[in-house]
Every structure is written in structure tokens, then in C-alpha cells.
Amino acid sequence: MVIIFCVTCERFYSRLADIKSKCTVALDVSPEECVSRKTIKNVLRLCDSRFSKMRVCGSFTADAGLPLQLVALITMYCIVLLQLAFL
């Protein structure tokens, strides 16, 4: 379940990056169309000012590295428990 969520979030992040790059290219290609230029600028401004990676409970980001971080956390916790058990 966590892996599916992380993959979906990563797809969303990559699509947002694609949209930003396509908007940048569209700004360079059609400087004469003021209506579409204004809309493209608004989209870019919104992406830059409002978007940050999604955070789970405000503590860690949901991206492709989340499953690895969870495995590292569980491994470290198990090592600490083993050290306490053999102390």
C-alpha cells in the first residue's frame, strides 16, 4: 500500500515537472498571444509559490525514497532492540 502511494506521488511530481517545462517552452514559442501567455505565467507562478512535496502528517515527504526510509527506520529499531536484549 505504501509503495503504491509513493509511486503515485512520484508520478504526480514528474507530471508537474513536465507541465512546468512545457509551459516554459510555450512562453518562448508564442510571445504574441497575450491571453495564453498570461495563463501560462499564472500556472508557472502557482506551481512555484504553492507547490511543495506532499508531507505525511507533516513529518516526512511522500516520494520515491519513502519505502527506503521506512526500511532503514525499521532496521535501526531492530538493531537497537537486539543490542538491548543482549546487554
PDB file of N, CA and C in Angstrom:
ATOM      1  N   MET A   1       0.819  -1.190   0.000  1.00  0.00           N
ATOM      2  CA  MET A   1       0.000   0.000   0.000  1.00  0.00           C
ATOM      3  C   MET A   1       0.865   1.258   0.000  1.00  0.00           C
ATOM      4  N   VAL A   2       1.903   1.257   0.821  1.00  0.00           N
ATOM      5  CA  VAL A   2       2.794   2.410   0.893  1.00  0.00           C
ATOM      6  C   VAL A   2       3.525   2.596  -0.430  1.00  0.00           C
ATOM      7  N   ILE A   3       3.943   1.495  -1.031  1.00  0.00           N
ATOM      8  CA  ILE A   3       4.684   1.574  -2.290  1.00  0.00           C
ATOM      9  C   ILE A   3       3.801   2.134  -3.396  1.00  0.00           C
ATOM     10  N   ILE A   4       2.558   1.711  -3.447  1.00  0.00           N
ATOM     11  CA  ILE A   4       1.631   2.223  -4.465  1.00  0.00           C
ATOM     12  C   ILE A   4       1.423   3.721  -4.280  1.00  0.00           C
ATOM     13  N   PHE A   5       1.258   4.147  -3.033  1.00  0.00           N
ATOM     14  CA  PHE A   5       1.086   5.568  -2.749  1.00  0.00           C
ATOM     15  C   PHE A   5       2.323   6.370  -3.161  1.00  0.00           C
ATOM     16  N   CYS A   6       3.502   5.844  -2.862  1.00  0.00           N
ATOM     17  CA  CYS A   6       4.746   6.540  -3.214  1.00  0.00           C
ATOM     18  C   CYS A   6       4.941   6.626  -4.722  1.00  0.00           C
ATOM     19  N   VAL A   7       4.616   5.567  -5.426  1.00  0.00           N
ATOM     20  CA  VAL A   7       4.736   5.576  -6.890  1.00  0.00           C
ATOM     21  C   VAL A   7       3.760   6.592  -7.488  1.00  0.00           C
ATOM     22  N   THR A   8       2.555   6.650  -6.959  1.00  0.00           N
ATOM     23  CA  THR A   8       1.568   7.607  -7.444  1.00  0.00           C
ATOM     24  C   THR A   8       2.021   9.040  -7.184  1.00  0.00           C
ATOM     25  N   CYS A   9       2.562   9.296  -6.005  1.00  0.00           N
ATOM     26  CA  CYS A   9       3.076  10.635  -5.696  1.00  0.00           C
ATOM     27  C   CYS A   9       4.231  10.995  -6.619  1.00  0.00           C
ATOM     28  N   GLU A  10       5.113  10.051  -6.879  1.00  0.00           N
ATOM     29  CA  GLU A  10       6.255  10.329  -7.748  1.00  0.00           C
ATOM     30  C   GLU A  10       5.798  10.614  -9.176  1.00  0.00           C
ATOM     31  N   ARG A  11       4.774   9.908  -9.645  1.00  0.00           N
ATOM     32  CA  ARG A  11       4.211  10.204 -10.970  1.00  0.00           C
ATOM     33  C   ARG A  11       3.639  11.612 -11.010  1.00  0.00           C
ATOM     34  N   PHE A  12       2.957  11.990  -9.953  1.00  0.00           N
ATOM     35  CA  PHE A  12       2.391  13.332  -9.869  1.00  0.00           C
ATOM     36  C   PHE A  12       3.487  14.383  -9.923  1.00  0.00           C
ATOM     37  N   TYR A  13       4.573  14.178  -9.176  1.00  0.00           N
ATOM     38  CA  TYR A  13       5.685  15.124  -9.173  1.00  0.00           C
ATOM     39  C   TYR A  13       6.325  15.228 -10.560  1.00  0.00           C
ATOM     40  N   SER A  14       6.489  14.096 -11.236  1.00  0.00           N
ATOM     41  CA  SER A  14       7.113  14.138 -12.568  1.00  0.00           C
ATOM     42  C   SER A  14       6.189  14.801 -13.587  1.00  0.00           C
ATOM     43  N   ARG A  15       4.897  14.576 -13.485  1.00  0.00           N
ATOM     44  CA  ARG A  15       3.960  15.236 -14.403  1.00  0.00           C
ATOM     45  C   ARG A  15       3.922  16.738 -14.153  1.00  0.00           C
ATOM     46  N   LEU A  16       4.017  17.144 -12.911  1.00  0.00           N
ATOM     47  CA  LEU A  16       4.057  18.563 -12.605  1.00  0.00           C
ATOM     48  C   LEU A  16       5.324  19.197 -13.171  1.00  0.00           C
ATOM     49  N   ALA A  17       6.436  18.498 -13.095  1.00  0.00           N
ATOM     50  CA  ALA A  17       7.681  19.000 -13.693  1.00  0.00           C
ATOM     51  C   ALA A  17       7.546  19.092 -15.209  1.00  0.00           C
ATOM     52  N   ASP A  18       6.877  18.106 -15.820  1.00  0.00           N
ATOM     53  CA  ASP A  18       6.634  18.163 -17.267  1.00  0.00           C
ATOM     54  C   ASP A  18       5.775  19.377 -17.640  1.00  0.00           C
ATOM     55  N   ILE A  19       4.752  19.642 -16.850  1.00  0.00           N
ATOM     56  CA  ILE A  19       3.878  20.787 -17.116  1.00  0.00           C
ATOM     57  C   ILE A  19       4.668  22.086 -17.022  1.00  0.00           C
ATOM     58  N   LYS A  20       5.521  22.180 -16.010  1.00  0.00           N
ATOM     59  CA  LYS A  20       6.331  23.391 -15.868  1.00  0.00           C
ATOM     60  C   LYS A  20       7.278  23.578 -17.050  1.00  0.00           C
ATOM     61  N   SER A  21       7.897  22.489 -17.505  1.00  0.00           N
ATOM     62  CA  SER A  21       8.815  22.615 -18.643  1.00  0.00           C
ATOM     63  C   SER A  21       8.056  22.942 -19.927  1.00  0.00           C
ATOM     64  N   LYS A  22       6.875  22.353 -20.124  1.00  0.00           N
ATOM     65  CA  LYS A  22       6.083  22.657 -21.319  1.00  0.00           C
ATOM     66  C   LYS A  22       5.572  24.097 -21.298  1.00  0.00           C
ATOM     67  N   CYS A  23       5.225  24.600 -20.131  1.00  0.00           N
ATOM     68  CA  CYS A  23       4.802  25.994 -20.033  1.00  0.00           C
ATOM     69  C   CYS A  23       5.956  26.933 -20.349  1.00  0.00           C
ATOM     70  N   THR A  24       7.146  26.580 -19.890  1.00  0.00           N
ATOM     71  CA  THR A  24       8.313  27.398 -20.190  1.00  0.00           C
ATOM     72  C   THR A  24       8.597  27.425 -21.679  1.00  0.00           C
ATOM     73  N   VAL A  25       8.478  26.277 -22.340  1.00  0.00           N
ATOM     74  CA  VAL A  25       8.679  26.211 -23.790  1.00  0.00           C
ATOM     75  C   VAL A  25       7.592  27.000 -24.511  1.00  0.00           C
ATOM     76  N   ALA A  26       6.355  26.901 -24.030  1.00  0.00           N
ATOM     77  CA  ALA A  26       5.253  27.626 -24.672  1.00  0.00           C
ATOM     78  C   ALA A  26       5.424  29.133 -24.531  1.00  0.00           C
ATOM     79  N   LEU A  27       6.017  29.591 -23.444  1.00  0.00           N
ATOM     80  CA  LEU A  27       6.275  31.021 -23.294  1.00  0.00           C
ATOM     81  C   LEU A  27       7.280  31.513 -24.322  1.00  0.00           C
ATOM     82  N   ASP A  28       8.265  30.680 -24.619  1.00  0.00           N
ATOM     83  CA  ASP A  28       9.277  31.069 -25.589  1.00  0.00           C
ATOM     84  C   ASP A  28       8.758  31.007 -27.028  1.00  0.00           C
ATOM     85  N   VAL A  29       7.843  30.083 -27.291  1.00  0.00           N
ATOM     86  CA  VAL A  29       7.366  29.870 -28.657  1.00  0.00           C
ATOM     87  C   VAL A  29       6.355  30.927 -29.078  1.00  0.00           C
ATOM     88  N   SER A  30       5.407  31.259 -28.223  1.00  0.00           N
ATOM     89  CA  SER A  30       4.317  32.156 -28.636  1.00  0.00           C
ATOM     90  C   SER A  30       4.285  33.424 -27.784  1.00  0.00           C
ATOM     91  N   PRO A  31       5.197  34.366 -28.023  1.00  0.00           N
ATOM     92  CA  PRO A  31       5.169  35.595 -27.231  1.00  0.00           C
ATOM     93  C   PRO A  31       4.065  36.574 -27.635  1.00  0.00           C
ATOM     94  N   GLU A  32       3.445  36.376 -28.801  1.00  0.00           N
ATOM     95  CA  GLU A  32       2.455  37.344 -29.276  1.00  0.00           C
ATOM     96  C   GLU A  32       1.046  37.099 -28.733  1.00  0.00           C
ATOM     97  N   GLU A  33       0.727  35.908 -28.289  1.00  0.00           N
ATOM     98  CA  GLU A  33      -0.611  35.611 -27.784  1.00  0.00           C
ATOM     99  C   GLU A  33      -0.668  35.982 -26.306  1.00  0.00           C
ATOM    100  N   CYS A  34      -1.302  37.102 -25.996  1.00  0.00           N
ATOM    101  CA  CYS A  34      -1.252  37.608 -24.627  1.00  0.00           C
ATOM    102  C   CYS A  34      -2.164  36.832 -23.680  1.00  0.00           C
ATOM    103  N   VAL A  35      -3.288  36.281 -24.164  1.00  0.00           N
ATOM    104  CA  VAL A  35      -4.196  35.544 -23.287  1.00  0.00           C
ATOM    105  C   VAL A  35      -3.551  34.240 -22.810  1.00  0.00           C
ATOM    106  N   SER A  36      -3.000  33.487 -23.745  1.00  0.00           N
ATOM    107  CA  SER A  36      -2.373  32.232 -23.343  1.00  0.00           C
ATOM    108  C   SER A  36      -1.092  32.500 -22.559  1.00  0.00           C
ATOM    109  N   ARG A  37      -0.397  33.568 -22.881  1.00  0.00           N
ATOM    110  CA  ARG A  37       0.822  33.921 -22.159  1.00  0.00           C
ATOM    111  C   ARG A  37       0.506  34.242 -20.699  1.00  0.00           C
ATOM    112  N   LYS A  38      -0.580  34.968 -20.484  1.00  0.00           N
ATOM    113  CA  LYS A  38      -0.995  35.305 -19.123  1.00  0.00           C
ATOM    114  C   LYS A  38      -1.370  34.050 -18.342  1.00  0.00           C
ATOM    115  N   THR A  39      -2.090  33.148 -18.985  1.00  0.00           N
ATOM    116  CA  THR A  39      -2.475  31.892 -18.333  1.00  0.00           C
ATOM    117  C   THR A  39      -1.255  31.042 -17.996  1.00  0.00           C
ATOM    118  N   ILE A  40      -0.321  30.966 -18.926  1.00  0.00           N
ATOM    119  CA  ILE A  40       0.893  30.179 -18.695  1.00  0.00           C
ATOM    120  C   ILE A  40       1.701  30.769 -17.544  1.00  0.00           C
ATOM    121  N   LYS A  41       1.802  32.091 -17.505  1.00  0.00           N
ATOM    122  CA  LYS A  41       2.527  32.726 -16.407  1.00  0.00           C
ATOM    123  C   LYS A  41       1.850  32.459 -15.067  1.00  0.00           C
ATOM    124  N   ASN A  42       0.513  32.479 -15.065  1.00  0.00           N
ATOM    125  CA  ASN A  42      -0.219  32.186 -13.830  1.00  0.00           C
ATOM    126  C   ASN A  42       0.007  30.748 -13.369  1.00  0.00           C
ATOM    127  N   VAL A  43       0.041  29.809 -14.315  1.00  0.00           N
ATOM    128  CA  VAL A  43       0.291  28.414 -13.968  1.00  0.00           C
ATOM    129  C   VAL A  43       1.687  28.259 -13.378  1.00  0.00           C
ATOM    130  N   LEU A  44       2.672  28.864 -14.011  1.00  0.00           N
ATOM    131  CA  LEU A  44       4.044  28.789 -13.502  1.00  0.00           C
ATOM    132  C   LEU A  44       4.173  29.442 -12.132  1.00  0.00           C
ATOM    133  N   ARG A  45       3.540  30.569 -11.955  1.00  0.00           N
ATOM    134  CA  ARG A  45       3.583  31.265 -10.669  1.00  0.00           C
ATOM    135  C   ARG A  45       2.932  30.419  -9.574  1.00  0.00           C
ATOM    136  N   LEU A  46       1.819  29.804  -9.894  1.00  0.00           N
ATOM    137  CA  LEU A  46       1.125  28.967  -8.924  1.00  0.00           C
ATOM    138  C   LEU A  46       1.956  27.748  -8.550  1.00  0.00           C
ATOM    139  N   CYS A  47       2.584  27.127  -9.535  1.00  0.00           N
ATOM    140  CA  CYS A  47       3.423  25.956  -9.254  1.00  0.00           C
ATOM    141  C   CYS A  47       4.619  26.321  -8.391  1.00  0.00           C
ATOM    142  N   ASP A  48       5.193  27.490  -8.637  1.00  0.00           N
ATOM    143  CA  ASP A  48       6.373  27.883  -7.873  1.00  0.00           C
ATOM    144  C   ASP A  48       6.036  28.329  -6.453  1.00  0.00           C
ATOM    145  N   SER A  49       4.909  29.002  -6.289  1.00  0.00           N
ATOM    146  CA  SER A  49       4.618  29.555  -4.965  1.00  0.00           C
ATOM    147  C   SER A  49       3.835  28.602  -4.063  1.00  0.00           C
ATOM    148  N   ARG A  50       2.948  27.811  -4.604  1.00  0.00           N
ATOM    149  CA  ARG A  50       2.050  26.997  -3.784  1.00  0.00           C
ATOM    150  C   ARG A  50       2.468  25.549  -3.619  1.00  0.00           C
ATOM    151  N   PHE A  51       3.278  25.046  -4.533  1.00  0.00           N
ATOM    152  CA  PHE A  51       3.537  23.608  -4.520  1.00  0.00           C
ATOM    153  C   PHE A  51       4.761  23.270  -3.685  1.00  0.00           C
ATOM    154  N   SER A  52       4.585  22.287  -2.837  1.00  0.00           N
ATOM    155  CA  SER A  52       5.698  21.630  -2.163  1.00  0.00           C
ATOM    156  C   SER A  52       5.332  20.153  -2.103  1.00  0.00           C
ATOM    157  N   LYS A  53       6.316  19.328  -1.920  1.00  0.00           N
ATOM    158  CA  LYS A  53       6.026  17.895  -1.913  1.00  0.00           C
ATOM    159  C   LYS A  53       5.069  17.558  -0.781  1.00  0.00           C
ATOM    160  N   MET A  54       4.236  16.555  -1.038  1.00  0.00           N
ATOM    161  CA  MET A  54       3.246  16.168  -0.044  1.00  0.00           C
ATOM    162  C   MET A  54       3.928  15.585   1.183  1.00  0.00           C
ATOM    163  N   ARG A  55       3.437  15.978   2.333  1.00  0.00           N
ATOM    164  CA  ARG A  55       4.003  15.510   3.585  1.00  0.00           C
ATOM    165  C   ARG A  55       2.958  14.674   4.318  1.00  0.00           C
ATOM    166  N   VAL A  56       3.404  13.568   4.883  1.00  0.00           N
ATOM    167  CA  VAL A  56       2.522  12.673   5.628  1.00  0.00           C
ATOM    168  C   VAL A  56       2.550  13.114   7.082  1.00  0.00           C
ATOM    169  N   CYS A  57       1.414  13.554   7.580  1.00  0.00           N
ATOM    170  CA  CYS A  57       1.265  14.043   8.956  1.00  0.00           C
ATOM    171  C   CYS A  57       2.259  15.151   9.281  1.00  0.00           C
ATOM    172  N   GLY A  58       2.736  15.856   8.292  1.00  0.00           N
ATOM    173  CA  GLY A  58       3.661  16.949   8.497  1.00  0.00           C
ATOM    174  C   GLY A  58       5.054  16.540   8.928  1.00  0.00           C
ATOM    175  N   SER A  59       5.363  15.244   8.870  1.00  0.00           N
ATOM    176  CA  SER A  59       6.660  14.816   9.393  1.00  0.00           C
ATOM    177  C   SER A  59       7.648  14.373   8.320  1.00  0.00           C
ATOM    178  N   PHE A  60       7.205  13.730   7.255  1.00  0.00           N
ATOM    179  CA  PHE A  60       8.127  13.287   6.206  1.00  0.00           C
ATOM    180  C   PHE A  60       7.426  13.349   4.860  1.00  0.00           C
ATOM    181  N   THR A  61       8.229  13.507   3.808  1.00  0.00           N
ATOM    182  CA  THR A  61       7.656  13.662   2.471  1.00  0.00           C
ATOM    183  C   THR A  61       7.309  12.310   1.860  1.00  0.00           C
ATOM    184  N   ALA A  62       6.266  12.317   1.060  1.00  0.00           N
ATOM    185  CA  ALA A  62       5.838  11.112   0.349  1.00  0.00           C
ATOM    186  C   ALA A  62       6.402  11.165  -1.054  1.00  0.00           C
ATOM    187  N   ASP A  63       7.504  10.467  -1.265  1.00  0.00           N
ATOM    188  CA  ASP A  63       8.106  10.399  -2.589  1.00  0.00           C
ATOM    189  C   ASP A  63       8.700   9.009  -2.772  1.00  0.00           C
ATOM    190  N   ALA A  64       9.521   8.851  -3.792  1.00  0.00           N
ATOM    191  CA  ALA A  64      10.051   7.520  -4.112  1.00  0.00           C
ATOM    192  C   ALA A  64      10.990   6.994  -3.037  1.00  0.00           C
ATOM    193  N   GLY A  65      11.565   7.867  -2.231  1.00  0.00           N
ATOM    194  CA  GLY A  65      12.502   7.431  -1.188  1.00  0.00           C
ATOM    195  C   GLY A  65      11.834   6.981   0.100  1.00  0.00           C
ATOM    196  N   LEU A  66      10.535   7.129   0.212  1.00  0.00           N
ATOM    197  CA  LEU A  66       9.838   6.780   1.449  1.00  0.00           C
ATOM    198  C   LEU A  66       9.965   5.307   1.827  1.00  0.00           C
ATOM    199  N   PRO A  67       9.777   4.350   0.913  1.00  0.00           N
ATOM    200  CA  PRO A  67       9.934   2.946   1.328  1.00  0.00           C
ATOM    201  C   PRO A  67      11.343   2.641   1.850  1.00  0.00           C
ATOM    202  N   LEU A  68      12.361   3.236   1.245  1.00  0.00           N
ATOM    203  CA  LEU A  68      13.727   3.018   1.727  1.00  0.00           C
ATOM    204  C   LEU A  68      13.928   3.620   3.107  1.00  0.00           C
ATOM    205  N   GLN A  69      13.346   4.774   3.337  1.00  0.00           N
ATOM    206  CA  GLN A  69      13.441   5.397   4.654  1.00  0.00           C
ATOM    207  C   GLN A  69      12.744   4.553   5.713  1.00  0.00           C
ATOM    208  N   LEU A  70      11.597   3.965   5.358  1.00  0.00           N
ATOM    209  CA  LEU A  70      10.887   3.109   6.304  1.00  0.00           C
ATOM    210  C   LEU A  70      11.677   1.846   6.616  1.00  0.00           C
ATOM    211  N   VAL A  71      12.307   1.251   5.605  1.00  0.00           N
ATOM    212  CA  VAL A  71      13.134   0.057   5.826  1.00  0.00           C
ATOM    213  C   VAL A  71      14.323   0.410   6.711  1.00  0.00           C
ATOM    214  N   ALA A  72      14.940   1.559   6.484  1.00  0.00           N
ATOM    215  CA  ALA A  72      16.067   1.989   7.315  1.00  0.00           C
ATOM    216  C   ALA A  72      15.632   2.221   8.754  1.00  0.00           C
ATOM    217  N   LEU A  73      14.471   2.801   8.942  1.00  0.00           N
ATOM    218  CA  LEU A  73      13.957   3.040  10.287  1.00  0.00           C
ATOM    219  C   LEU A  73      13.686   1.736  11.020  1.00  0.00           C
ATOM    220  N   ILE A  74      13.045   0.792  10.346  1.00  0.00           N
ATOM    221  CA  ILE A  74      12.739  -0.499  10.971  1.00  0.00           C
ATOM    222  C   ILE A  74      14.017  -1.261  11.282  1.00  0.00           C
ATOM    223  N   THR A  75      14.995  -1.208  10.376  1.00  0.00           N
ATOM    224  CA  THR A  75      16.273  -1.889  10.605  1.00  0.00           C
ATOM    225  C   THR A  75      16.987  -1.299  11.806  1.00  0.00           C
ATOM    226  N   MET A  76      17.032   0.008  11.898  1.00  0.00           N
ATOM    227  CA  MET A  76      17.701   0.652  13.024  1.00  0.00           C
ATOM    228  C   MET A  76      16.993   0.305  14.335  1.00  0.00           C
ATOM    229  N   TYR A  77      15.683   0.283  14.316  1.00  0.00           N
ATOM    230  CA  TYR A  77      14.914  -0.062  15.506  1.00  0.00           C
ATOM    231  C   TYR A  77      15.199  -1.503  15.941  1.00  0.00           C
ATOM    232  N   CYS A  78      15.275  -2.414  14.978  1.00  0.00           N
ATOM    233  CA  CYS A  78      15.579  -3.822  15.307  1.00  0.00           C
ATOM    234  C   CYS A  78      16.991  -3.971  15.874  1.00  0.00           C
ATOM    235  N   ILE A  79      17.938  -3.229  15.330  1.00  0.00           N
ATOM    236  CA  ILE A  79      19.312  -3.301  15.845  1.00  0.00           C
ATOM    237  C   ILE A  79      19.373  -2.787  17.281  1.00  0.00           C
ATOM    238  N   VAL A  80      18.681  -1.699  17.557  1.00  0.00           N
ATOM    239  CA  VAL A  80      18.652  -1.193  18.924  1.00  0.00           C
ATOM    240  C   VAL A  80      18.016  -2.197  19.867  1.00  0.00           C
ATOM    241  N   LEU A  81      16.922  -2.827  19.444  1.00  0.00           N
ATOM    242  CA  LEU A  81      16.268  -3.830  20.293  1.00  0.00           C
ATOM    243  C   LEU A  81      17.184  -5.029  20.529  1.00  0.00           C
ATOM    244  N   LEU A  82      17.917  -5.459  19.494  1.00  0.00           N
ATOM    245  CA  LEU A  82      18.860  -6.562  19.671  1.00  0.00           C
ATOM    246  C   LEU A  82      19.991  -6.178  20.627  1.00  0.00           C
ATOM    247  N   GLN A  83      20.483  -4.969  20.540  1.00  0.00           N
ATOM    248  CA  GLN A  83      21.533  -4.528  21.440  1.00  0.00           C
ATOM    249  C   GLN A  83      21.044  -4.493  22.884  1.00  0.00           C
ATOM    250  N   LEU A  84      19.822  -4.067  23.086  1.00  0.00           N
ATOM    251  CA  LEU A  84      19.270  -4.038  24.436  1.00  0.00           C
ATOM    252  C   LEU A  84      19.003  -5.437  24.959  1.00  0.00           C
ATOM    253  N   ALA A  85      18.646  -6.342  24.082  1.00  0.00           N
ATOM    254  CA  ALA A  85      18.353  -7.717  24.511  1.00  0.00           C
ATOM    255  C   ALA A  85      19.615  -8.447  24.945  1.00  0.00           C
ATOM    256  N   PHE A  86      20.755  -8.144  24.299  1.00  0.00           N
ATOM    257  CA  PHE A  86      21.990  -8.841  24.629  1.00  0.00           C
ATOM    258  C   PHE A  86      22.881  -8.039  25.568  1.00  0.00           C
ATOM    259  N   LEU A  87      22.366  -7.002  26.167  1.00  0.00           N
ATOM    260  CA  LEU A  87      23.154  -6.189  27.082  1.00  0.00           C
ATOM    261  C   LEU A  87      23.324  -6.829  28.431  1.00  0.00           C
TER     262      LEU A  87
END
